[in-house]
PDB file of N, CA and C in Angstrom:
ATOM      1  N   GLN A   1      55.954 243.042 180.422  1.00  0.00           N
ATOM      2  CA  GLN A   1      56.327 241.650 180.219  1.00  0.00           C
ATOM      3  C   GLN A   1      56.918 241.478 178.816  1.00  0.00           C
ATOM      4  N   VAL A   2      58.082 240.851 178.743  1.00  0.00           N
ATOM      5  CA  VAL A   2      58.762 240.667 177.472  1.00  0.00           C
ATOM      6  C   VAL A   2      58.158 239.494 176.715  1.00  0.00           C
ATOM      7  N   GLN A   3      57.853 239.749 175.465  1.00  0.00           N
ATOM      8  CA  GLN A   3      57.341 238.687 174.608  1.00  0.00           C
ATOM      9  C   GLN A   3      57.993 238.770 173.252  1.00  0.00           C
ATOM     10  N   MET A   4      58.158 237.616 172.620  1.00  0.00           N
ATOM     11  CA  MET A   4      58.667 237.566 171.262  1.00  0.00           C
ATOM     12  C   MET A   4      57.743 236.649 170.490  1.00  0.00           C
ATOM     13  N   VAL A   5      57.078 237.210 169.499  1.00  0.00           N
ATOM     14  CA  VAL A   5      56.062 236.480 168.750  1.00  0.00           C
ATOM     15  C   VAL A   5      56.487 236.390 167.291  1.00  0.00           C
ATOM     16  N   GLU A   6      56.634 235.160 166.826  1.00  0.00           N
ATOM     17  CA  GLU A   6      57.050 234.910 165.447  1.00  0.00           C
ATOM     18  C   GLU A   6      55.835 234.545 164.603  1.00  0.00           C
ATOM     19  N   SER A   7      55.927 234.831 163.317  1.00  0.00           N
ATOM     20  CA  SER A   7      54.866 234.459 162.390  1.00  0.00           C
ATOM     21  C   SER A   7      55.468 234.281 160.999  1.00  0.00           C
ATOM     22  N   GLY A   8      54.708 233.614 160.135  1.00  0.00           N
ATOM     23  CA  GLY A   8      55.098 233.521 158.735  1.00  0.00           C
ATOM     24  C   GLY A   8      55.610 232.173 158.277  1.00  0.00           C
ATOM     25  N   GLY A   9      55.771 231.228 159.182  1.00  0.00           N
ATOM     26  CA  GLY A   9      56.228 229.912 158.756  1.00  0.00           C
ATOM     27  C   GLY A   9      55.152 229.178 157.982  1.00  0.00           C
ATOM     28  N   GLY A  10      55.537 228.032 157.399  1.00  0.00           N
ATOM     29  CA  GLY A  10      54.570 227.245 156.663  1.00  0.00           C
ATOM     30  C   GLY A  10      55.230 226.271 155.714  1.00  0.00           C
ATOM     31  N   LEU A  11      54.422 225.747 154.805  1.00  0.00           N
ATOM     32  CA  LEU A  11      54.884 224.773 153.826  1.00  0.00           C
ATOM     33  C   LEU A  11      54.996 225.447 152.464  1.00  0.00           C
ATOM     34  N   VAL A  12      56.114 225.243 151.806  1.00  0.00           N
ATOM     35  CA  VAL A  12      56.335 225.847 150.496  1.00  0.00           C
ATOM     36  C   VAL A  12      57.127 224.870 149.636  1.00  0.00           C
ATOM     37  N   GLN A  13      56.939 224.959 148.348  1.00  0.00           N
ATOM     38  CA  GLN A  13      57.708 224.116 147.443  1.00  0.00           C
ATOM     39  C   GLN A  13      59.099 224.687 147.225  1.00  0.00           C
ATOM     40  N   ALA A  14      60.021 223.830 146.859  1.00  0.00           N
ATOM     41  CA  ALA A  14      61.380 224.274 146.558  1.00  0.00           C
ATOM     42  C   ALA A  14      61.337 225.357 145.477  1.00  0.00           C
ATOM     43  N   GLY A  15      62.138 226.387 145.686  1.00  0.00           N
ATOM     44  CA  GLY A  15      62.153 227.521 144.781  1.00  0.00           C
ATOM     45  C   GLY A  15      61.209 228.641 145.174  1.00  0.00           C
ATOM     46  N   GLY A  16      60.353 228.365 146.136  1.00  0.00           N
ATOM     47  CA  GLY A  16      59.384 229.362 146.583  1.00  0.00           C
ATOM     48  C   GLY A  16      59.947 230.318 147.613  1.00  0.00           C
ATOM     49  N   SER A  17      59.064 231.165 148.140  1.00  0.00           N
ATOM     50  CA  SER A  17      59.467 232.199 149.085  1.00  0.00           C
ATOM     51  C   SER A  17      58.549 232.203 150.304  1.00  0.00           C
ATOM     52  N   LEU A  18      59.115 232.647 151.412  1.00  0.00           N
ATOM     53  CA  LEU A  18      58.368 232.894 152.646  1.00  0.00           C
ATOM     54  C   LEU A  18      58.972 234.111 153.326  1.00  0.00           C
ATOM     55  N   ARG A  19      58.149 234.767 154.119  1.00  0.00           N
ATOM     56  CA  ARG A  19      58.625 235.910 154.901  1.00  0.00           C
ATOM     57  C   ARG A  19      58.278 235.675 156.360  1.00  0.00           C
ATOM     58  N   LEU A  20      59.293 235.634 157.191  1.00  0.00           N
ATOM     59  CA  LEU A  20      59.106 235.476 158.625  1.00  0.00           C
ATOM     60  C   LEU A  20      59.151 236.842 159.304  1.00  0.00           C
ATOM     61  N   SER A  21      58.344 236.988 160.343  1.00  0.00           N
ATOM     62  CA  SER A  21      58.343 238.222 161.124  1.00  0.00           C
ATOM     63  C   SER A  21      58.409 237.892 162.609  1.00  0.00           C
ATOM     64  N   CYS A  22      59.007 238.790 163.357  1.00  0.00           N
ATOM     65  CA  CYS A  22      59.097 238.619 164.806  1.00  0.00           C
ATOM     66  C   CYS A  22      58.912 239.975 165.468  1.00  0.00           C
ATOM     67  N   ALA A  23      57.995 240.025 166.409  1.00  0.00           N
ATOM     68  CA  ALA A  23      57.754 241.252 167.165  1.00  0.00           C
ATOM     69  C   ALA A  23      58.193 241.030 168.603  1.00  0.00           C
ATOM     70  N   ALA A  24      59.134 241.836 169.055  1.00  0.00           N
ATOM     71  CA  ALA A  24      59.616 241.760 170.429  1.00  0.00           C
ATOM     72  C   ALA A  24      58.981 242.890 171.214  1.00  0.00           C
ATOM     73  N   SER A  25      58.098 242.547 172.124  1.00  0.00           N
ATOM     74  CA  SER A  25      57.386 243.581 172.877  1.00  0.00           C
ATOM     75  C   SER A  25      57.849 243.603 174.331  1.00  0.00           C
ATOM     76  N   GLY A  26      57.580 244.708 174.998  1.00  0.00           N
ATOM     77  CA  GLY A  26      57.937 244.828 176.401  1.00  0.00           C
ATOM     78  C   GLY A  26      59.287 245.463 176.647  1.00  0.00           C
ATOM     79  N   TYR A  27      59.991 245.837 175.589  1.00  0.00           N
ATOM     80  CA  TYR A  27      61.277 246.504 175.738  1.00  0.00           C
ATOM     81  C   TYR A  27      61.069 248.013 175.614  1.00  0.00           C
ATOM     82  N   ILE A  28      61.777 248.754 176.432  1.00  0.00           N
ATOM     83  CA  ILE A  28      61.648 250.211 176.367  1.00  0.00           C
ATOM     84  C   ILE A  28      62.796 250.833 175.603  1.00  0.00           C
ATOM     85  N   PHE A  29      63.638 250.014 174.993  1.00  0.00           N
ATOM     86  CA  PHE A  29      64.776 250.488 174.231  1.00  0.00           C
ATOM     87  C   PHE A  29      64.865 249.683 172.944  1.00  0.00           C
ATOM     88  N   SER A  30      65.650 250.197 171.995  1.00  0.00           N
ATOM     89  CA  SER A  30      65.878 249.486 170.754  1.00  0.00           C
ATOM     90  C   SER A  30      66.936 248.405 170.995  1.00  0.00           C
ATOM     91  N   ILE A  31      66.583 247.179 170.736  1.00  0.00           N
ATOM     92  CA  ILE A  31      67.457 246.041 171.026  1.00  0.00           C
ATOM     93  C   ILE A  31      68.708 246.090 170.148  1.00  0.00           C
ATOM     94  N   GLY A  32      69.865 245.816 170.753  1.00  0.00           N
ATOM     95  CA  GLY A  32      71.134 245.939 170.038  1.00  0.00           C
ATOM     96  C   GLY A  32      71.232 245.058 168.806  1.00  0.00           C
ATOM     97  N   ARG A  33      70.908 243.780 168.962  1.00  0.00           N
ATOM     98  CA  ARG A  33      71.003 242.870 167.824  1.00  0.00           C
ATOM     99  C   ARG A  33      69.801 241.926 167.837  1.00  0.00           C
ATOM    100  N   MET A  34      69.195 241.767 166.683  1.00  0.00           N
ATOM    101  CA  MET A  34      68.103 240.814 166.525  1.00  0.00           C
ATOM    102  C   MET A  34      68.472 239.867 165.389  1.00  0.00           C
ATOM    103  N   GLY A  35      67.914 238.671 165.443  1.00  0.00           N
ATOM    104  CA  GLY A  35      68.290 237.749 164.398  1.00  0.00           C
ATOM    105  C   GLY A  35      67.416 236.519 164.334  1.00  0.00           C
ATOM    106  N   TRP A  36      67.767 235.669 163.416  1.00  0.00           N
ATOM    107  CA  TRP A  36      67.072 234.408 163.191  1.00  0.00           C
ATOM    108  C   TRP A  36      68.081 233.262 163.243  1.00  0.00           C
ATOM    109  N   TYR A  37      67.669 232.217 163.921  1.00  0.00           N
ATOM    110  CA  TYR A  37      68.422 230.970 163.978  1.00  0.00           C
ATOM    111  C   TYR A  37      67.476 229.852 163.572  1.00  0.00           C
ATOM    112  N   ARG A  38      68.024 228.706 163.239  1.00  0.00           N
ATOM    113  CA  ARG A  38      67.162 227.587 162.872  1.00  0.00           C
ATOM    114  C   ARG A  38      67.730 226.278 163.396  1.00  0.00           C
ATOM    115  N   GLN A  39      66.817 225.345 163.580  1.00  0.00           N
ATOM    116  CA  GLN A  39      67.214 224.025 164.047  1.00  0.00           C
ATOM    117  C   GLN A  39      66.461 222.971 163.250  1.00  0.00           C
ATOM    118  N   ALA A  40      67.196 222.199 162.499  1.00  0.00           N
ATOM    119  CA  ALA A  40      66.619 221.098 161.731  1.00  0.00           C
ATOM    120  C   ALA A  40      66.587 219.847 162.606  1.00  0.00           C
ATOM    121  N   PRO A  41      65.743 218.890 162.271  1.00  0.00           N
ATOM    122  CA  PRO A  41      65.658 217.658 163.069  1.00  0.00           C
ATOM    123  C   PRO A  41      67.015 216.977 163.187  1.00  0.00           C
ATOM    124  N   GLY A  42      67.380 216.658 164.416  1.00  0.00           N
ATOM    125  CA  GLY A  42      68.634 215.959 164.652  1.00  0.00           C
ATOM    126  C   GLY A  42      69.878 216.809 164.563  1.00  0.00           C
ATOM    127  N   LYS A  43      69.707 218.114 164.393  1.00  0.00           N
ATOM    128  CA  LYS A  43      70.863 218.998 164.264  1.00  0.00           C
ATOM    129  C   LYS A  43      70.832 220.077 165.340  1.00  0.00           C
ATOM    130  N   GLN A  44      71.987 220.730 165.502  1.00  0.00           N
ATOM    131  CA  GLN A  44      72.063 221.816 166.473  1.00  0.00           C
ATOM    132  C   GLN A  44      71.479 223.101 165.881  1.00  0.00           C
ATOM    133  N   ARG A  45      71.084 223.978 166.759  1.00  0.00           N
ATOM    134  CA  ARG A  45      70.600 225.282 166.319  1.00  0.00           C
ATOM    135  C   ARG A  45      71.757 226.050 165.685  1.00  0.00           C
ATOM    136  N   GLU A  46      71.473 226.711 164.563  1.00  0.00           N
ATOM    137  CA  GLU A  46      72.512 227.434 163.851  1.00  0.00           C
ATOM    138  C   GLU A  46      72.049 228.830 163.461  1.00  0.00           C
ATOM    139  N   LEU A  47      73.034 229.692 163.293  1.00  0.00           N
ATOM    140  CA  LEU A  47      72.760 231.054 162.865  1.00  0.00           C
ATOM    141  C   LEU A  47      72.230 231.065 161.435  1.00  0.00           C
ATOM    142  N   VAL A  48      71.203 231.893 161.199  1.00  0.00           N
ATOM    143  CA  VAL A  48      70.742 232.165 159.851  1.00  0.00           C
ATOM    144  C   VAL A  48      71.170 233.582 159.445  1.00  0.00           C
ATOM    145  N   ALA A  49      70.751 234.559 160.249  1.00  0.00           N
ATOM    146  CA  ALA A  49      71.099 235.947 159.943  1.00  0.00           C
ATOM    147  C   ALA A  49      70.855 236.807 161.173  1.00  0.00           C
ATOM    148  N   THR A  50      71.672 237.840 161.328  1.00  0.00           N
ATOM    149  CA  THR A  50      71.469 238.816 162.394  1.00  0.00           C
ATOM    150  C   THR A  50      71.588 240.217 161.826  1.00  0.00           C
ATOM    151  N   ILE A  51      71.014 241.164 162.560  1.00  0.00           N
ATOM    152  CA  ILE A  51      71.094 242.565 162.155  1.00  0.00           C
ATOM    153  C   ILE A  51      71.186 243.415 163.405  1.00  0.00           C
ATOM    154  N   THR A  52      72.118 244.373 163.399  1.00  0.00           N
ATOM    155  CA  THR A  52      72.280 245.246 164.554  1.00  0.00           C
ATOM    156  C   THR A  52      71.353 246.445 164.461  1.00  0.00           C
ATOM    157  N   ARG A  53      71.310 247.189 165.566  1.00  0.00           N
ATOM    158  CA  ARG A  53      70.516 248.408 165.588  1.00  0.00           C
ATOM    159  C   ARG A  53      70.961 249.362 164.482  1.00  0.00           C
ATOM    160  N   GLY A  54      72.242 249.351 164.187  1.00  0.00           N
ATOM    161  CA  GLY A  54      72.777 250.241 163.161  1.00  0.00           C
ATOM    162  C   GLY A  54      72.627 249.718 161.745  1.00  0.00           C
ATOM    163  N   GLY A  55      72.103 248.489 161.599  1.00  0.00           N
ATOM    164  CA  GLY A  55      71.845 247.959 160.266  1.00  0.00           C
ATOM    165  C   GLY A  55      72.910 247.016 159.735  1.00  0.00           C
ATOM    166  N   THR A  56      73.916 246.705 160.529  1.00  0.00           N
ATOM    167  CA  THR A  56      74.940 245.766 160.075  1.00  0.00           C
ATOM    168  C   THR A  56      74.372 244.351 160.081  1.00  0.00           C
ATOM    169  N   THR A  57      74.528 243.659 158.967  1.00  0.00           N
ATOM    170  CA  THR A  57      73.964 242.321 158.838  1.00  0.00           C
ATOM    171  C   THR A  57      75.056 241.256 158.784  1.00  0.00           C
ATOM    172  N   ASN A  58      74.656 240.061 159.147  1.00  0.00           N
ATOM    173  CA  ASN A  58      75.543 238.904 159.084  1.00  0.00           C
ATOM    174  C   ASN A  58      74.694 237.713 158.658  1.00  0.00           C
ATOM    175  N   TYR A  59      75.176 236.962 157.668  1.00  0.00           N
ATOM    176  CA  TYR A  59      74.422 235.836 157.145  1.00  0.00           C
ATOM    177  C   TYR A  59      75.253 234.555 157.174  1.00  0.00           C
ATOM    178  N   ALA A  60      74.579 233.447 157.379  1.00  0.00           N
ATOM    179  CA  ALA A  60      75.233 232.160 157.183  1.00  0.00           C
ATOM    180  C   ALA A  60      75.548 232.015 155.700  1.00  0.00           C
ATOM    181  N   ASP A  61      76.653 231.367 155.391  1.00  0.00           N
ATOM    182  CA  ASP A  61      77.039 231.187 153.991  1.00  0.00           C
ATOM    183  C   ASP A  61      75.950 230.478 153.196  1.00  0.00           C
ATOM    184  N   SER A  62      75.243 229.572 153.843  1.00  0.00           N
ATOM    185  CA  SER A  62      74.247 228.763 153.143  1.00  0.00           C
ATOM    186  C   SER A  62      73.028 229.565 152.675  1.00  0.00           C
ATOM    187  N   VAL A  63      72.844 230.764 153.221  1.00  0.00           N
ATOM    188  CA  VAL A  63      71.654 231.553 152.846  1.00  0.00           C
ATOM    189  C   VAL A  63      72.008 232.853 152.137  1.00  0.00           C
ATOM    190  N   LYS A  64      73.280 233.158 152.036  1.00  0.00           N
ATOM    191  CA  LYS A  64      73.685 234.400 151.380  1.00  0.00           C
ATOM    192  C   LYS A  64      73.160 234.456 149.954  1.00  0.00           C
ATOM    193  N   GLY A  65      72.608 235.602 149.592  1.00  0.00           N
ATOM    194  CA  GLY A  65      72.066 235.772 148.248  1.00  0.00           C
ATOM    195  C   GLY A  65      70.637 235.297 148.099  1.00  0.00           C
ATOM    196  N   ARG A  66      70.122 234.578 149.097  1.00  0.00           N
ATOM    197  CA  ARG A  66      68.742 234.081 149.032  1.00  0.00           C
ATOM    198  C   ARG A  66      67.856 234.693 150.107  1.00  0.00           C
ATOM    199  N   PHE A  67      68.425 234.929 151.268  1.00  0.00           N
ATOM    200  CA  PHE A  67      67.669 235.473 152.400  1.00  0.00           C
ATOM    201  C   PHE A  67      68.078 236.915 152.658  1.00  0.00           C
ATOM    202  N   THR A  68      67.108 237.717 153.115  1.00  0.00           N
ATOM    203  CA  THR A  68      67.384 239.105 153.481  1.00  0.00           C
ATOM    204  C   THR A  68      66.734 239.411 154.818  1.00  0.00           C
ATOM    205  N   ILE A  69      67.541 239.913 155.743  1.00  0.00           N
ATOM    206  CA  ILE A  69      67.025 240.294 157.056  1.00  0.00           C
ATOM    207  C   ILE A  69      66.848 241.799 157.114  1.00  0.00           C
ATOM    208  N   SER A  70      65.786 242.234 157.802  1.00  0.00           N
ATOM    209  CA  SER A  70      65.539 243.666 157.974  1.00  0.00           C
ATOM    210  C   SER A  70      64.870 243.872 159.327  1.00  0.00           C
ATOM    211  N   ARG A  71      64.847 245.112 159.785  1.00  0.00           N
ATOM    212  CA  ARG A  71      64.229 245.389 161.081  1.00  0.00           C
ATOM    213  C   ARG A  71      63.676 246.792 161.135  1.00  0.00           C
ATOM    214  N   ASP A  72      62.778 246.972 162.091  1.00  0.00           N
ATOM    215  CA  ASP A  72      62.222 248.289 162.413  1.00  0.00           C
ATOM    216  C   ASP A  72      62.639 248.573 163.850  1.00  0.00           C
ATOM    217  N   ASN A  73      63.589 249.476 164.023  1.00  0.00           N
ATOM    218  CA  ASN A  73      64.131 249.727 165.362  1.00  0.00           C
ATOM    219  C   ASN A  73      63.076 250.255 166.328  1.00  0.00           C
ATOM    220  N   ALA A  74      62.236 251.129 165.842  1.00  0.00           N
ATOM    221  CA  ALA A  74      61.249 251.749 166.725  1.00  0.00           C
ATOM    222  C   ALA A  74      60.261 250.731 167.277  1.00  0.00           C
ATOM    223  N   LYS A  75      59.986 249.702 166.480  1.00  0.00           N
ATOM    224  CA  LYS A  75      59.000 248.699 166.893  1.00  0.00           C
ATOM    225  C   LYS A  75      59.647 247.405 167.400  1.00  0.00           C
ATOM    226  N   ASN A  76      60.963 247.334 167.346  1.00  0.00           N
ATOM    227  CA  ASN A  76      61.665 246.091 167.709  1.00  0.00           C
ATOM    228  C   ASN A  76      61.091 244.891 166.981  1.00  0.00           C
ATOM    229  N   THR A  77      60.930 245.056 165.674  1.00  0.00           N
ATOM    230  CA  THR A  77      60.495 243.932 164.852  1.00  0.00           C
ATOM    231  C   THR A  77      61.612 243.571 163.876  1.00  0.00           C
ATOM    232  N   VAL A  78      61.665 242.319 163.531  1.00  0.00           N
ATOM    233  CA  VAL A  78      62.676 241.839 162.594  1.00  0.00           C
ATOM    234  C   VAL A  78      61.998 240.895 161.608  1.00  0.00           C
ATOM    235  N   HIS A  79      62.441 240.979 160.355  1.00  0.00           N
ATOM    236  CA  HIS A  79      61.846 240.173 159.300  1.00  0.00           C
ATOM    237  C   HIS A  79      62.933 239.384 158.586  1.00  0.00           C
ATOM    238  N   LEU A  80      62.520 238.260 158.018  1.00  0.00           N
ATOM    239  CA  LEU A  80      63.440 237.459 157.219  1.00  0.00           C
ATOM    240  C   LEU A  80      62.730 237.073 155.928  1.00  0.00           C
ATOM    241  N   GLN A  81      63.152 237.676 154.833  1.00  0.00           N
ATOM    242  CA  GLN A  81      62.619 237.328 153.524  1.00  0.00           C
ATOM    243  C   GLN A  81      63.451 236.177 152.971  1.00  0.00           C
ATOM    244  N   MET A  82      62.791 235.071 152.707  1.00  0.00           N
ATOM    245  CA  MET A  82      63.492 233.867 152.248  1.00  0.00           C
ATOM    246  C   MET A  82      63.037 233.543 150.829  1.00  0.00           C
ATOM    247  N   ASN A  83      63.965 233.618 149.906  1.00  0.00           N
ATOM    248  CA  ASN A  83      63.685 233.316 148.503  1.00  0.00           C
ATOM    249  C   ASN A  83      64.475 232.093 148.067  1.00  0.00           C
ATOM    250  N   SER A  84      64.069 231.523 146.954  1.00  0.00           N
ATOM    251  CA  SER A  84      64.764 230.351 146.391  1.00  0.00           C
ATOM    252  C   SER A  84      64.975 229.277 147.451  1.00  0.00           C
ATOM    253  N   LEU A  85      63.923 228.979 148.163  1.00  0.00           N
ATOM    254  CA  LEU A  85      64.027 228.026 149.270  1.00  0.00           C
ATOM    255  C   LEU A  85      64.369 226.629 148.776  1.00  0.00           C
ATOM    256  N   LYS A  86      65.136 225.930 149.603  1.00  0.00           N
ATOM    257  CA  LYS A  86      65.583 224.575 149.307  1.00  0.00           C
ATOM    258  C   LYS A  86      65.089 223.614 150.383  1.00  0.00           C
ATOM    259  N   PRO A  87      64.962 222.346 150.066  1.00  0.00           N
ATOM    260  CA  PRO A  87      64.541 221.388 151.096  1.00  0.00           C
ATOM    261  C   PRO A  87      65.436 221.430 152.338  1.00  0.00           C
ATOM    262  N   GLU A  88      66.698 221.714 152.161  1.00  0.00           N
ATOM    263  CA  GLU A  88      67.610 221.774 153.312  1.00  0.00           C
ATOM    264  C   GLU A  88      67.386 223.005 154.194  1.00  0.00           C
ATOM    265  N   ASP A  89      66.514 223.903 153.774  1.00  0.00           N
ATOM    266  CA  ASP A  89      66.141 225.031 154.630  1.00  0.00           C
ATOM    267  C   ASP A  89      65.046 224.641 155.620  1.00  0.00           C
ATOM    268  N   THR A  90      64.517 223.438 155.498  1.00  0.00           N
ATOM    269  CA  THR A  90      63.477 222.974 156.411  1.00  0.00           C
ATOM    270  C   THR A  90      64.001 222.931 157.836  1.00  0.00           C
ATOM    271  N   ALA A  91      63.300 223.617 158.732  1.00  0.00           N
ATOM    272  CA  ALA A  91      63.739 223.711 160.125  1.00  0.00           C
ATOM    273  C   ALA A  91      62.710 224.510 160.915  1.00  0.00           C
ATOM    274  N   VAL A  92      62.885 224.498 162.218  1.00  0.00           N
ATOM    275  CA  VAL A  92      62.175 225.442 163.070  1.00  0.00           C
ATOM    276  C   VAL A  92      63.046 226.698 163.166  1.00  0.00           C
ATOM    277  N   TYR A  93      62.467 227.832 162.856  1.00  0.00           N
ATOM    278  CA  TYR A  93      63.186 229.100 162.856  1.00  0.00           C
ATOM    279  C   TYR A  93      62.843 229.868 164.131  1.00  0.00           C
ATOM    280  N   TYR A  94      63.890 230.331 164.809  1.00  0.00           N
ATOM    281  CA  TYR A  94      63.736 231.024 166.079  1.00  0.00           C
ATOM    282  C   TYR A  94      64.215 232.468 165.961  1.00  0.00           C
ATOM    283  N   CYS A  95      63.435 233.358 166.509  1.00  0.00           N
ATOM    284  CA  CYS A  95      63.821 234.768 166.603  1.00  0.00           C
ATOM    285  C   CYS A  95      64.649 234.968 167.872  1.00  0.00           C
ATOM    286  N   ASN A  96      65.644 235.815 167.787  1.00  0.00           N
ATOM    287  CA  ASN A  96      66.504 236.083 168.935  1.00  0.00           C
ATOM    288  C   ASN A  96      66.680 237.584 169.130  1.00  0.00           C
ATOM    289  N   ALA A  97      66.656 237.994 170.393  1.00  0.00           N
ATOM    290  CA  ALA A  97      66.937 239.387 170.757  1.00  0.00           C
ATOM    291  C   ALA A  97      68.118 239.388 171.709  1.00  0.00           C
ATOM    292  N   ASN A  98      69.166 240.092 171.342  1.00  0.00           N
ATOM    293  CA  ASN A  98      70.388 240.074 172.133  1.00  0.00           C
ATOM    294  C   ASN A  98      70.899 241.490 172.352  1.00  0.00           C
ATOM    295  N   ASP A  99      71.165 241.815 173.592  1.00  0.00           N
ATOM    296  CA  ASP A  99      71.729 243.120 173.903  1.00  0.00           C
ATOM    297  C   ASP A  99      72.578 242.995 175.156  1.00  0.00           C
ATOM    298  N   GLY A 100      73.879 243.007 174.973  1.00  0.00           N
ATOM    299  CA  GLY A 100      74.797 242.830 176.086  1.00  0.00           C
ATOM    300  C   GLY A 100      74.720 243.948 177.111  1.00  0.00           C
ATOM    301  N   SER A 101      74.341 245.128 176.668  1.00  0.00           N
ATOM    302  CA  SER A 101      74.258 246.271 177.581  1.00  0.00           C
ATOM    303  C   SER A 101      73.187 246.060 178.645  1.00  0.00           C
ATOM    304  N   TYR A 102      72.194 245.268 178.316  1.00  0.00           N
ATOM    305  CA  TYR A 102      71.088 245.012 179.246  1.00  0.00           C
ATOM    306  C   TYR A 102      71.037 243.548 179.686  1.00  0.00           C
ATOM    307  N   GLY A 103      72.028 242.770 179.300  1.00  0.00           N
ATOM    308  CA  GLY A 103      72.045 241.367 179.696  1.00  0.00           C
ATOM    309  C   GLY A 103      70.905 240.567 179.124  1.00  0.00           C
ATOM    310  N   ILE A 104      70.548 240.865 177.872  1.00  0.00           N
ATOM    311  CA  ILE A 104      69.397 240.218 177.251  1.00  0.00           C
ATOM    312  C   ILE A 104      69.836 239.225 176.200  1.00  0.00           C
ATOM    313  N   ASN A 105      69.256 238.048 176.250  1.00  0.00           N
ATOM    314  CA  ASN A 105      69.419 237.056 175.192  1.00  0.00           C
ATOM    315  C   ASN A 105      68.150 236.208 175.203  1.00  0.00           C
ATOM    316  N   ASN A 106      67.122 236.709 174.523  1.00  0.00           N
ATOM    317  CA  ASN A 106      65.807 236.085 174.562  1.00  0.00           C
ATOM    318  C   ASN A 106      65.446 235.422 173.246  1.00  0.00           C
ATOM    319  N   TRP A 107      64.660 234.362 173.364  1.00  0.00           N
ATOM    320  CA  TRP A 107      64.273 233.567 172.200  1.00  0.00           C
ATOM    321  C   TRP A 107      62.765 233.501 172.055  1.00  0.00           C
ATOM    322  N   GLY A 108      62.315 233.448 170.807  1.00  0.00           N
ATOM    323  CA  GLY A 108      60.929 233.154 170.534  1.00  0.00           C
ATOM    324  C   GLY A 108      60.693 231.656 170.638  1.00  0.00           C
ATOM    325  N   THR A 109      59.453 231.249 170.457  1.00  0.00           N
ATOM    326  CA  THR A 109      59.106 229.830 170.587  1.00  0.00           C
ATOM    327  C   THR A 109      59.324 229.042 169.298  1.00  0.00           C
ATOM    328  N   GLY A 110      59.575 229.760 168.208  1.00  0.00           N
ATOM    329  CA  GLY A 110      59.886 229.094 166.946  1.00  0.00           C
ATOM    330  C   GLY A 110      58.706 228.995 166.007  1.00  0.00           C
ATOM    331  N   THR A 111      59.022 229.001 164.717  1.00  0.00           N
ATOM    332  CA  THR A 111      58.009 228.802 163.682  1.00  0.00           C
ATOM    333  C   THR A 111      58.579 227.823 162.657  1.00  0.00           C
ATOM    334  N   LEU A 112      57.759 226.871 162.268  1.00  0.00           N
ATOM    335  CA  LEU A 112      58.230 225.792 161.401  1.00  0.00           C
ATOM    336  C   LEU A 112      58.167 226.193 159.930  1.00  0.00           C
ATOM    337  N   VAL A 113      59.273 225.968 159.251  1.00  0.00           N
ATOM    338  CA  VAL A 113      59.352 226.161 157.803  1.00  0.00           C
ATOM    339  C   VAL A 113      59.643 224.806 157.174  1.00  0.00           C
ATOM    340  N   THR A 114      58.770 224.398 156.273  1.00  0.00           N
ATOM    341  CA  THR A 114      58.949 223.123 155.587  1.00  0.00           C
ATOM    342  C   THR A 114      59.018 223.377 154.088  1.00  0.00           C
ATOM    343  N   VAL A 115      60.089 222.914 153.461  1.00  0.00           N
ATOM    344  CA  VAL A 115      60.281 223.109 152.027  1.00  0.00           C
ATOM    345  C   VAL A 115      60.240 221.732 151.369  1.00  0.00           C
ATOM    346  N   SER A 116      59.261 221.539 150.510  1.00  0.00           N
ATOM    347  CA  SER A 116      59.113 220.250 149.840  1.00  0.00           C
ATOM    348  C   SER A 116      59.843 220.254 148.496  1.00  0.00           C
ATOM    349  N   SER A 117      60.328 219.096 148.127  1.00  0.00           N
ATOM    350  CA  SER A 117      61.088 218.978 146.871  1.00  0.00           C
ATOM    351  C   SER A 117      60.188 218.625 145.706  1.00  0.00           C
TER     352      SER A 117
END
């Protein structure tokens, strides 16, 4: 059974740091691309960062230089280190597993990140 479990959200002051983690279980292969998206109240879900099996990363302009995505291919886990957090980073953060070869596009249930000013 496929599961995606996120952890690490919470409340932090502006300028602080948080580390999000996501474990994707139930897959017998290394997922092609994993990533993080976020959705703020009243806004659409948007890309934060993705990383491929080969280590190629992609970041939203708004988080470049502050956030770092990493993964463990063998365990299908992905992490998001968030530094210098801003109030505008407040959102529900969702983990995503995507692999076109297997027709996979799965989402976690989300973890809330709140940044106070």
